[in-house]
């Protein structure tokens, strides 16, 4: 705790409490929109619009994620040590808002020159954008553990956070569907980038302004001299944290692989027209949004682990369906025959179930992280958040690199209208079904010893 008295947001009432929840919900809105568009479209932008081979596109994504992970502990340590009248987190959020918006827009710019030049420029832009993203998102994420010690309010804050993120992602998908009807047109991506960059900066500034009264007076980390090396040792011995970390990595690797594969799976495997493929992502985000509030309610009444088990069970079922659904007849409309209509209905059902289940990847790990931070007497939320995000980004970067190479080795052709070999169709189905299902099951195995009921959690349990 900091030497000055701190306040707990659980004591806020009326408009003050609503301002806190609305502001925290805005904090991940712009960045969530950009992250969603990046997850769905960036690989396609690199391959279809920029002309990079699939393995090179995967390498760009991997390098950006790896750097994003490297800078997390640095920003976490620096934000823990930051001392201002606004507290340790808000200066990072407010100071990085405008540069982040500009960098997010630049990610969708197609530079001139040969493939090698494009590759180098994409890597540089990705490094800058990911650095600025960390400067905003990591201090913002750490605030959930510092604003309150109440488990229910922490879960509600994270529910509000991802509600804002998913609602903004819905808007982003609509923008993408309207602007990216031709996936090979680089001008459309640039228009989308400018628009989303403006949203990122605006929502981040509004978040910082809304959190100002509460964040500058909330719990802050100790900054004892010589504590960094001890902290690193404690992070490795904190059993709560290692289990939450393992869960987070596995669920988000599963979700990232599915997101990256989705806009290839729909037109290439399921023979859905690209114009339909863009819009059919909406049921996924709507069901994810609904799932957040369903699992928030289940977590409140039955505990977060039961919410996790029920949600991931639905997710695994959706993965199995994605492996088995027959493709549509691409020579006619998706609703042009009884068979096509049935297969389309099964596809939409699969997408809805996947969204409901995958919402646990957003909510549950972040709702459990404050328990791990509470197990550490010094409660350095910035450092724990940094190490959680660091290892997550390293694993996701490797997963994206694996996906790009799997597509190349399977014989996938970047031009989506091209005839794909059977090996590529199988690889895409595996990335939508079996592979993420295995990762989700492993996540449940990691959490098998966590208390089912939240009240069973002891203060210093590991």
Protein backbone atom coordinates (compact mmCIF):
# COMPACT_ATOMS: atom_id res chain seq x y z
CA UNK A 1 0.00 0.00 0.00
CA UNK A 2 1.12 3.57 -0.54
CA UNK A 3 1.85 5.74 2.51
CA UNK A 4 -1.24 7.90 1.90
CA UNK A 5 -4.70 6.61 2.73
CA UNK A 6 -6.41 4.85 -0.15
CA UNK A 7 -10.08 4.45 -0.95
CA UNK A 8 -11.98 1.39 -2.14
CA UNK A 9 -14.43 1.74 -5.04
CA UNK A 10 -16.88 -0.57 -3.25
CA UNK A 11 -17.87 2.49 -1.21
CA UNK A 12 -18.91 4.49 -4.28
CA UNK A 13 -22.62 5.07 -4.75
CA UNK A 14 -24.93 6.51 -7.40
CA UNK A 15 -23.36 8.61 -10.13
CA UNK A 16 -19.83 8.09 -8.86
CA UNK A 17 -20.17 4.32 -9.17
CA UNK A 18 -21.78 4.61 -12.60
CA UNK A 19 -19.01 6.93 -13.79
CA UNK A 20 -16.42 4.37 -12.67
CA UNK A 21 -18.13 1.50 -14.49
CA UNK A 22 -18.76 3.47 -17.68
CA UNK A 23 -15.21 4.82 -17.75
CA UNK A 24 -13.67 1.40 -17.15
CA UNK A 25 -15.88 -0.03 -19.89
CA UNK A 26 -14.58 2.60 -22.34
CA UNK A 27 -10.95 1.76 -21.61
CA UNK A 28 -10.93 -1.37 -23.72
CA UNK A 29 -13.44 -0.20 -26.33
CA UNK A 30 -11.16 1.41 -28.91
CA UNK A 31 -8.29 -1.01 -28.33
CA UNK A 32 -10.75 -3.91 -28.35
CA UNK A 33 -12.15 -2.78 -31.70
CA UNK A 34 -8.66 -2.56 -33.17
CA UNK A 35 -7.60 -5.90 -31.67
CA UNK A 36 -10.69 -7.59 -33.10
CA UNK A 37 -10.11 -6.18 -36.59
CA UNK A 38 -6.45 -7.14 -36.37
CA UNK A 39 -7.38 -10.65 -35.28
CA UNK A 40 -9.87 -11.14 -38.12
CA UNK A 41 -8.37 -9.13 -40.98
CA UNK A 42 -4.65 -8.40 -40.57
CA UNK A 43 -3.46 -11.78 -41.84
CA UNK A 44 -5.75 -11.37 -44.87
CA UNK A 45 -4.49 -7.79 -45.39
CA UNK A 46 -0.89 -9.01 -45.44
CA UNK A 47 -1.59 -11.90 -47.83
CA UNK A 48 -4.43 -10.71 -50.10
CA UNK A 49 -3.80 -6.94 -50.29
CA UNK A 50 -0.04 -6.71 -49.66
CA UNK A 51 0.90 -9.95 -51.40
CA UNK A 52 3.03 -11.45 -48.61
CA UNK A 53 3.29 -15.26 -48.59
CA UNK A 54 1.46 -16.87 -45.68
CA UNK A 55 4.63 -17.78 -43.77
CA UNK A 56 5.93 -14.21 -44.01
CA UNK A 57 2.59 -12.78 -42.85
CA UNK A 58 2.71 -15.14 -39.86
CA UNK A 59 6.28 -14.01 -39.15
CA UNK A 60 5.24 -10.32 -39.09
CA UNK A 61 2.49 -11.13 -36.61
CA UNK A 62 4.87 -13.21 -34.49
CA UNK A 63 7.56 -10.50 -34.32
CA UNK A 64 5.00 -7.88 -33.28
CA UNK A 65 3.58 -10.12 -30.57
CA UNK A 66 7.01 -11.11 -29.28
CA UNK A 67 8.06 -7.46 -28.97
CA UNK A 68 4.71 -6.68 -27.39
CA UNK A 69 5.51 -9.31 -24.79
CA UNK A 70 9.07 -8.08 -24.18
CA UNK A 71 7.94 -4.55 -23.36
CA UNK A 72 5.22 -5.68 -20.90
CA UNK A 73 7.49 -6.21 -17.85
CA UNK A 74 9.25 -2.92 -18.62
CA UNK A 75 6.01 -0.92 -18.70
CA UNK A 76 4.64 -2.87 -15.72
CA UNK A 77 7.74 -2.10 -13.65
CA UNK A 78 7.80 1.55 -14.71
CA UNK A 79 4.10 2.09 -14.02
CA UNK A 80 4.46 0.48 -10.57
CA UNK A 81 7.26 2.97 -9.86
CA UNK A 82 5.49 6.01 -11.33
CA UNK A 83 4.66 8.66 -8.70
CA UNK A 84 2.35 11.51 -9.70
CA UNK A 85 -0.66 13.35 -8.30
CA UNK A 86 -2.77 11.30 -10.72
CA UNK A 87 -1.44 8.01 -9.36
CA UNK A 88 0.82 5.51 -11.18
CA UNK A 89 -1.49 4.42 -14.01
CA UNK A 90 -3.36 7.42 -15.46
CA UNK A 91 -0.31 9.30 -16.84
CA UNK A 92 0.49 6.30 -19.02
CA UNK A 93 -3.09 5.97 -20.26
CA UNK A 94 -3.59 9.64 -21.05
CA UNK A 95 -0.10 10.30 -22.44
CA UNK A 96 -0.21 7.40 -24.91
CA UNK A 97 -3.77 7.86 -26.21
CA UNK A 98 -3.11 10.04 -29.28
CA UNK A 99 0.10 8.29 -30.46
CA UNK A 100 -1.63 4.92 -30.09
CA UNK A 101 -4.49 5.96 -32.36
CA UNK A 102 -2.05 7.11 -35.04
CA UNK A 103 -0.05 3.88 -34.83
CA UNK A 104 -3.18 1.71 -35.01
CA UNK A 105 -4.21 3.53 -38.18
CA UNK A 106 -0.74 3.06 -39.70
CA UNK A 107 -1.00 -0.73 -39.32
CA UNK A 108 -3.41 -0.73 -42.28
CA UNK A 109 -1.22 1.37 -44.59
CA UNK A 110 0.28 -0.45 -47.59
CA UNK A 111 3.82 0.86 -48.20
CA UNK A 112 5.24 0.99 -51.74
CA UNK A 113 8.09 -1.19 -52.89
CA UNK A 114 8.90 -4.89 -53.20
CA UNK A 115 7.83 -7.62 -50.76
CA UNK A 116 10.99 -7.26 -48.64
CA UNK A 117 10.37 -3.53 -48.10
CA UNK A 118 6.73 -4.12 -47.22
CA UNK A 119 7.77 -6.81 -44.75
CA UNK A 120 10.28 -4.50 -43.02
CA UNK A 121 7.82 -1.60 -42.81
CA UNK A 122 5.08 -3.85 -41.41
CA UNK A 123 7.47 -5.10 -38.73
CA UNK A 124 8.49 -1.56 -37.69
CA UNK A 125 4.90 -0.32 -37.57
CA UNK A 126 3.88 -3.41 -35.59
CA UNK A 127 6.64 -2.83 -33.02
CA UNK A 128 5.66 0.83 -32.52
CA UNK A 129 1.93 0.09 -32.34
CA UNK A 130 2.38 -2.78 -29.90
CA UNK A 131 4.64 -0.68 -27.66
CA UNK A 132 2.04 2.08 -27.42
CA UNK A 133 -0.73 -0.47 -26.91
CA UNK A 134 1.16 -1.80 -23.88
CA UNK A 135 1.60 1.73 -22.49
CA UNK A 136 -2.20 2.09 -22.43
CA UNK A 137 -3.55 -1.38 -21.86
CA UNK A 138 -1.25 -2.71 -19.18
CA UNK A 139 -1.70 0.14 -16.64
CA UNK A 140 -5.42 0.09 -17.44
CA UNK A 141 -5.66 -3.67 -16.79
CA UNK A 142 -3.74 -3.35 -13.52
CA UNK A 143 -6.32 -0.89 -12.18
CA UNK A 144 -8.97 -3.62 -11.74
CA UNK A 145 -7.03 -5.07 -8.81
CA UNK A 146 -6.33 -1.63 -7.29
CA UNK A 147 -9.70 0.10 -7.55
CA UNK A 148 -11.35 -2.37 -5.14
CA UNK A 149 -10.71 -5.46 -3.03
CA UNK A 150 -14.28 -6.73 -3.51
CA UNK A 151 -14.47 -9.91 -5.64
CA UNK A 152 -17.92 -9.14 -7.05
CA UNK A 153 -17.00 -5.58 -8.06
CA UNK A 154 -13.75 -6.78 -9.64
CA UNK A 155 -15.71 -9.28 -11.71
CA UNK A 156 -18.23 -6.56 -12.61
CA UNK A 157 -15.42 -4.22 -13.67
CA UNK A 158 -14.02 -6.87 -15.99
CA UNK A 159 -17.50 -7.68 -17.29
CA UNK A 160 -17.99 -3.99 -18.07
CA UNK A 161 -14.55 -3.82 -19.63
CA UNK A 162 -15.17 -6.66 -22.06
CA UNK A 163 -18.73 -5.51 -22.72
CA UNK A 164 -17.27 -2.24 -23.99
CA UNK A 165 -14.65 -4.14 -25.94
CA UNK A 166 -17.14 -6.47 -27.62
CA UNK A 167 -19.66 -3.71 -28.38
CA UNK A 168 -16.86 -1.74 -30.03
CA UNK A 169 -15.79 -4.90 -31.87
CA UNK A 170 -19.35 -5.21 -33.18
CA UNK A 171 -19.10 -1.69 -34.58
CA UNK A 172 -15.70 -2.60 -36.00
CA UNK A 173 -17.06 -5.70 -37.72
CA UNK A 174 -19.85 -3.60 -39.27
CA UNK A 175 -17.22 -1.12 -40.49
CA UNK A 176 -15.12 -3.98 -41.83
CA UNK A 177 -18.11 -5.56 -43.59
CA UNK A 178 -19.01 -2.25 -45.23
CA UNK A 179 -15.49 -1.20 -46.21
CA UNK A 180 -13.78 -4.52 -46.92
CA UNK A 181 -16.08 -6.10 -49.44
CA UNK A 182 -12.99 -6.59 -51.63
CA UNK A 183 -10.24 -8.11 -49.46
CA UNK A 184 -7.63 -7.30 -52.09
CA UNK A 185 -8.22 -3.52 -52.13
CA UNK A 186 -5.61 -1.77 -49.89
CA UNK A 187 -7.46 1.59 -49.97
CA UNK A 188 -10.37 0.04 -48.05
CA UNK A 189 -8.07 -1.12 -45.26
CA UNK A 190 -6.53 2.36 -44.99
CA UNK A 191 -9.96 4.00 -44.60
CA UNK A 192 -10.81 1.49 -41.88
CA UNK A 193 -7.50 2.18 -40.14
CA UNK A 194 -8.03 5.96 -39.98
CA UNK A 195 -11.52 5.52 -38.57
CA UNK A 196 -10.56 2.98 -35.93
CA UNK A 197 -7.46 4.96 -34.93
CA UNK A 198 -9.67 7.95 -34.14
CA UNK A 199 -11.94 5.74 -32.02
CA UNK A 200 -8.93 4.35 -30.11
CA UNK A 201 -7.65 7.81 -29.12
CA UNK A 202 -11.09 9.19 -28.21
CA UNK A 203 -12.20 6.25 -26.07
CA UNK A 204 -8.85 6.09 -24.26
CA UNK A 205 -8.95 9.79 -23.36
CA UNK A 206 -12.56 9.48 -22.12
CA UNK A 207 -11.59 6.47 -20.02
CA UNK A 208 -8.75 8.34 -18.33
CA UNK A 209 -10.97 11.34 -17.62
CA UNK A 210 -13.73 9.15 -16.18
CA UNK A 211 -11.39 7.16 -13.93
CA UNK A 212 -9.58 10.24 -12.64
CA UNK A 213 -11.45 10.77 -9.32
CA UNK A 214 -11.19 7.13 -8.27
CA UNK A 215 -7.86 6.02 -9.74
CA UNK A 216 -5.76 8.76 -8.16
CA UNK A 217 -6.98 7.80 -4.68
CA UNK A 218 -7.12 3.99 -4.92
CA UNK A 219 -4.72 1.35 -3.60
CA UNK A 220 -1.21 1.70 -5.02
CA UNK A 221 1.75 -0.72 -5.05
CA UNK A 222 4.65 -0.54 -2.63
CA UNK A 223 7.94 0.58 -4.20
CA UNK A 224 10.44 -0.90 -1.77
CA UNK A 225 14.06 -0.65 -2.86
CA UNK A 226 15.62 -3.90 -4.01
CA UNK A 227 12.23 -5.63 -4.28
CA UNK A 228 12.31 -6.37 -8.02
CA UNK A 229 14.42 -9.54 -7.82
CA UNK A 230 12.36 -10.82 -4.90
CA UNK A 231 9.21 -10.11 -6.89
CA UNK A 232 10.42 -12.19 -9.82
CA UNK A 233 11.03 -15.11 -7.49
CA UNK A 234 7.61 -14.68 -5.87
CA UNK A 235 5.88 -14.57 -9.23
CA UNK A 236 7.36 -17.99 -10.03
CA UNK A 237 6.28 -19.43 -6.69
CA UNK A 238 2.77 -17.94 -6.59
CA UNK A 239 0.62 -21.01 -7.28
CA UNK A 240 -2.54 -19.00 -7.81
CA UNK A 241 -0.86 -16.86 -10.43
CA UNK A 242 0.69 -19.78 -12.30
CA UNK A 243 -2.69 -21.50 -12.62
CA UNK A 244 -4.45 -18.33 -13.79
CA UNK A 245 -1.58 -17.74 -16.21
CA UNK A 246 -1.82 -21.24 -17.66
CA UNK A 247 -5.57 -20.89 -18.13
CA UNK A 248 -5.20 -17.51 -19.83
CA UNK A 249 -2.54 -18.71 -22.23
CA UNK A 250 -4.43 -21.79 -23.35
CA UNK A 251 -7.82 -20.12 -23.78
CA UNK A 252 -6.44 -17.15 -25.67
CA UNK A 253 -4.26 -19.26 -27.93
CA UNK A 254 -7.40 -21.24 -28.81
CA UNK A 255 -9.38 -18.05 -29.44
CA UNK A 256 -6.60 -16.40 -31.47
CA UNK A 257 -6.18 -19.41 -33.75
CA UNK A 258 -9.93 -19.55 -34.36
CA UNK A 259 -10.16 -15.80 -35.03
CA UNK A 260 -7.28 -15.89 -37.51
CA UNK A 261 -8.72 -18.93 -39.29
CA UNK A 262 -12.35 -17.76 -39.29
CA UNK A 263 -12.30 -15.50 -42.35
CA UNK A 264 -10.51 -18.21 -44.29
CA UNK A 265 -12.71 -21.02 -42.99
CA UNK A 266 -15.98 -19.32 -43.97
CA UNK A 267 -15.34 -18.65 -47.69
CA UNK A 268 -12.74 -21.35 -48.41
CA UNK A 269 -14.08 -24.34 -46.46
CA UNK A 270 -17.77 -23.50 -46.07
CA UNK A 271 -18.06 -21.81 -49.52
CA UNK A 272 -19.77 -18.79 -48.00
CA UNK A 273 -19.52 -15.62 -50.16
CA UNK A 274 -17.07 -13.03 -48.77
CA UNK A 275 -19.90 -10.51 -48.37
CA UNK A 276 -21.70 -13.02 -46.12
CA UNK A 277 -18.49 -13.99 -44.31
CA UNK A 278 -17.95 -10.44 -43.08
CA UNK A 279 -21.46 -10.12 -41.66
CA UNK A 280 -21.70 -13.58 -40.18
CA UNK A 281 -19.08 -12.57 -37.61
CA UNK A 282 -21.79 -10.46 -35.92
CA UNK A 283 -23.54 -13.47 -34.31
CA UNK A 284 -20.19 -14.46 -32.78
CA UNK A 285 -19.67 -11.07 -31.14
CA UNK A 286 -23.32 -10.74 -30.06
CA UNK A 287 -23.27 -14.17 -28.46
CA UNK A 288 -19.92 -13.38 -26.83
CA UNK A 289 -21.45 -10.24 -25.35
CA UNK A 290 -24.44 -12.19 -24.06
CA UNK A 291 -22.14 -14.88 -22.71
CA UNK A 292 -20.21 -12.30 -20.67
CA UNK A 293 -23.30 -11.38 -18.70
CA UNK A 294 -24.48 -14.98 -18.42
CA UNK A 295 -21.17 -16.09 -16.93
CA UNK A 296 -21.02 -12.95 -14.77
CA UNK A 297 -24.31 -14.06 -13.22
CA UNK A 298 -23.20 -17.68 -12.89
CA UNK A 299 -19.91 -16.55 -11.30
CA UNK A 300 -21.81 -14.41 -8.78
CA UNK A 301 -24.17 -17.23 -7.77
CA UNK A 302 -22.14 -20.40 -8.30
CA UNK A 303 -18.50 -19.27 -8.47
CA UNK A 304 -16.13 -18.40 -11.27
CA UNK A 305 -14.82 -21.96 -11.79
CA UNK A 306 -18.27 -23.40 -12.44
CA UNK A 307 -18.87 -20.57 -14.92
CA UNK A 308 -15.59 -21.52 -16.58
CA UNK A 309 -16.49 -25.21 -16.81
CA UNK A 310 -19.95 -24.64 -18.24
CA UNK A 311 -18.75 -22.04 -20.73
CA UNK A 312 -15.78 -24.03 -22.01
CA UNK A 313 -17.97 -27.11 -22.35
CA UNK A 314 -20.16 -25.17 -24.80
CA UNK A 315 -17.02 -23.91 -26.57
CA UNK A 316 -15.66 -27.45 -27.05
CA UNK A 317 -19.02 -28.52 -28.49
CA UNK A 318 -18.82 -25.68 -31.01
CA UNK A 319 -15.32 -26.77 -32.04
CA UNK A 320 -16.60 -30.28 -32.73
CA UNK A 321 -19.41 -28.88 -34.87
CA UNK A 322 -16.95 -26.72 -36.83
CA UNK A 323 -15.04 -29.87 -37.76
CA UNK A 324 -18.13 -31.73 -38.95
CA UNK A 325 -20.46 -29.26 -40.74
CA UNK A 326 -20.67 -30.00 -44.49
CA UNK A 327 -19.83 -27.09 -46.81
CA UNK A 328 -22.49 -25.15 -48.71
CA UNK A 329 -22.98 -25.44 -52.43
CA UNK A 330 -21.02 -22.40 -53.59
CA UNK A 331 -22.66 -22.32 -57.03
CA UNK A 332 -25.95 -21.03 -55.56
CA UNK A 333 -27.00 -18.61 -52.84
CA UNK A 334 -26.45 -19.66 -49.20
CA UNK A 335 -30.25 -19.83 -48.90
CA UNK A 336 -30.84 -21.00 -52.45
CA UNK A 337 -31.68 -24.60 -51.49
CA UNK A 338 -32.97 -26.58 -48.53
CA UNK A 339 -29.57 -28.20 -48.06
CA UNK A 340 -27.72 -24.87 -48.12
CA UNK A 341 -30.19 -23.32 -45.67
CA UNK A 342 -29.73 -26.24 -43.27
CA UNK A 343 -25.94 -26.05 -43.44
CA UNK A 344 -26.06 -22.27 -42.99
CA UNK A 345 -28.28 -22.68 -39.92
CA UNK A 346 -25.81 -25.21 -38.46
CA UNK A 347 -22.96 -22.80 -39.18
CA UNK A 348 -24.70 -19.91 -37.42
CA UNK A 349 -25.51 -22.20 -34.46
CA UNK A 350 -21.83 -23.18 -34.27
CA UNK A 351 -20.77 -19.54 -34.33
CA UNK A 352 -23.25 -18.60 -31.59
CA UNK A 353 -22.18 -21.49 -29.35
CA UNK A 354 -18.52 -20.61 -29.93
CA UNK A 355 -19.20 -17.00 -28.90
CA UNK A 356 -21.06 -17.98 -25.73
CA UNK A 357 -18.29 -20.36 -24.73
CA UNK A 358 -15.36 -18.19 -25.78
CA UNK A 359 -16.61 -15.32 -23.62
CA UNK A 360 -15.07 -17.21 -20.69
CA UNK A 361 -11.64 -16.48 -22.21
CA UNK A 362 -12.36 -12.76 -21.82
CA UNK A 363 -13.91 -12.78 -18.37
CA UNK A 364 -12.70 -15.59 -16.12
CA UNK A 365 -8.87 -15.26 -16.22
CA UNK A 366 -9.03 -11.51 -15.56
CA UNK A 367 -11.63 -12.04 -12.82
CA UNK A 368 -9.26 -14.54 -11.15
CA UNK A 369 -6.05 -12.51 -11.53
CA UNK A 370 -6.75 -10.18 -8.55
CA UNK A 371 -6.86 -13.28 -6.31
CA UNK A 372 -3.30 -14.06 -7.37
CA UNK A 373 -2.23 -10.46 -6.75
CA UNK A 374 -3.83 -10.54 -3.29
CA UNK A 375 -1.64 -13.54 -2.44
CA UNK A 376 1.40 -11.23 -2.66
CA UNK A 377 1.72 -8.92 0.38
CA UNK A 378 3.09 -6.04 -1.72
CA UNK A 379 0.31 -6.39 -4.36
CA UNK A 380 2.36 -5.11 -7.36
CA UNK A 381 -0.53 -5.25 -9.82
CA UNK A 382 1.48 -3.76 -12.68
CA UNK A 383 4.13 -6.47 -12.53
CA UNK A 384 1.68 -9.37 -12.23
CA UNK A 385 -0.39 -7.97 -15.08
CA UNK A 386 2.78 -7.53 -17.14
CA UNK A 387 3.98 -11.10 -16.67
CA UNK A 388 0.53 -12.45 -17.44
CA UNK A 389 0.31 -10.47 -20.67
CA UNK A 390 3.96 -11.15 -21.55
CA UNK A 391 3.67 -14.92 -21.57
CA UNK A 392 0.25 -14.72 -23.24
CA UNK A 393 1.69 -12.67 -26.12
CA UNK A 394 4.68 -14.96 -26.56
CA UNK A 395 2.43 -18.01 -26.81
CA UNK A 396 -0.02 -16.23 -29.14
CA UNK A 397 2.83 -15.05 -31.36
CA UNK A 398 4.07 -18.61 -31.66
CA UNK A 399 0.51 -19.78 -32.35
CA UNK A 400 0.16 -17.22 -35.17
CA UNK A 401 3.52 -18.23 -36.60
CA UNK A 402 2.41 -21.86 -36.38
CA UNK A 403 -0.82 -20.99 -38.20
CA UNK A 404 0.99 -19.17 -41.01
CA UNK A 405 3.42 -22.04 -41.50
CA UNK A 406 0.67 -24.65 -41.28
CA UNK A 407 -1.17 -22.83 -44.06
CA UNK A 408 1.98 -22.73 -46.20
CA UNK A 409 2.86 -26.39 -45.59
CA UNK A 410 -0.72 -27.46 -46.29
CA UNK A 411 -0.58 -25.85 -49.74
CA UNK A 412 -2.97 -22.99 -48.97
CA UNK A 413 -3.11 -20.36 -51.75
CA UNK A 414 -3.53 -16.77 -50.47
CA UNK A 415 -5.96 -15.79 -53.23
CA UNK A 416 -9.20 -17.02 -51.68
CA UNK A 417 -10.98 -17.56 -54.99
CA UNK A 418 -8.34 -20.13 -55.93
CA UNK A 419 -9.05 -23.85 -55.69
CA UNK A 420 -7.51 -25.11 -52.46
CA UNK A 421 -6.00 -28.60 -52.02
CA UNK A 422 -7.66 -31.07 -49.64
CA UNK A 423 -4.70 -30.75 -47.24
CA UNK A 424 -5.34 -26.99 -46.87
CA UNK A 425 -9.06 -27.54 -46.23
CA UNK A 426 -8.23 -30.09 -43.53
CA UNK A 427 -5.66 -27.77 -41.90
CA UNK A 428 -8.19 -24.92 -41.77
CA UNK A 429 -10.82 -27.21 -40.19
CA UNK A 430 -8.28 -28.36 -37.60
CA UNK A 431 -7.58 -24.71 -36.69
CA UNK A 432 -11.31 -24.13 -36.17
CA UNK A 433 -12.00 -27.38 -34.34
CA UNK A 434 -9.61 -29.96 -32.95
CA UNK A 435 -6.65 -27.72 -32.12
CA UNK A 436 -8.58 -25.07 -30.11
CA UNK A 437 -10.66 -27.82 -28.43
CA UNK A 438 -7.49 -29.49 -27.14
CA UNK A 439 -6.17 -26.17 -25.83
CA UNK A 440 -9.44 -25.46 -24.00
CA UNK A 441 -9.41 -28.92 -22.39
CA UNK A 442 -5.84 -28.34 -21.21
CA UNK A 443 -7.00 -25.06 -19.66
CA UNK A 444 -9.58 -26.95 -17.60
CA UNK A 445 -6.88 -29.41 -16.50
CA UNK A 446 -4.72 -26.53 -15.27
CA UNK A 447 -7.58 -25.22 -13.07
CA UNK A 448 -8.69 -28.59 -11.69
CA UNK A 449 -7.46 -27.84 -8.13
CA UNK A 450 -8.85 -24.31 -7.87
CA UNK A 451 -11.66 -24.07 -5.29
CA UNK A 452 -15.07 -24.42 -6.93
CA UNK A 453 -16.64 -21.85 -4.64
CA UNK A 454 -15.00 -18.44 -4.32
CA UNK A 455 -15.49 -18.40 -0.56
CA UNK A 456 -13.18 -21.43 -0.30
CA UNK A 457 -10.21 -19.34 -1.42
CA UNK A 458 -7.83 -18.71 1.46
CA UNK A 459 -6.01 -15.36 1.74
CA UNK A 460 -2.50 -16.71 1.13
CA UNK A 461 -3.25 -20.00 -0.64
CA UNK A 462 -0.90 -21.09 -3.41
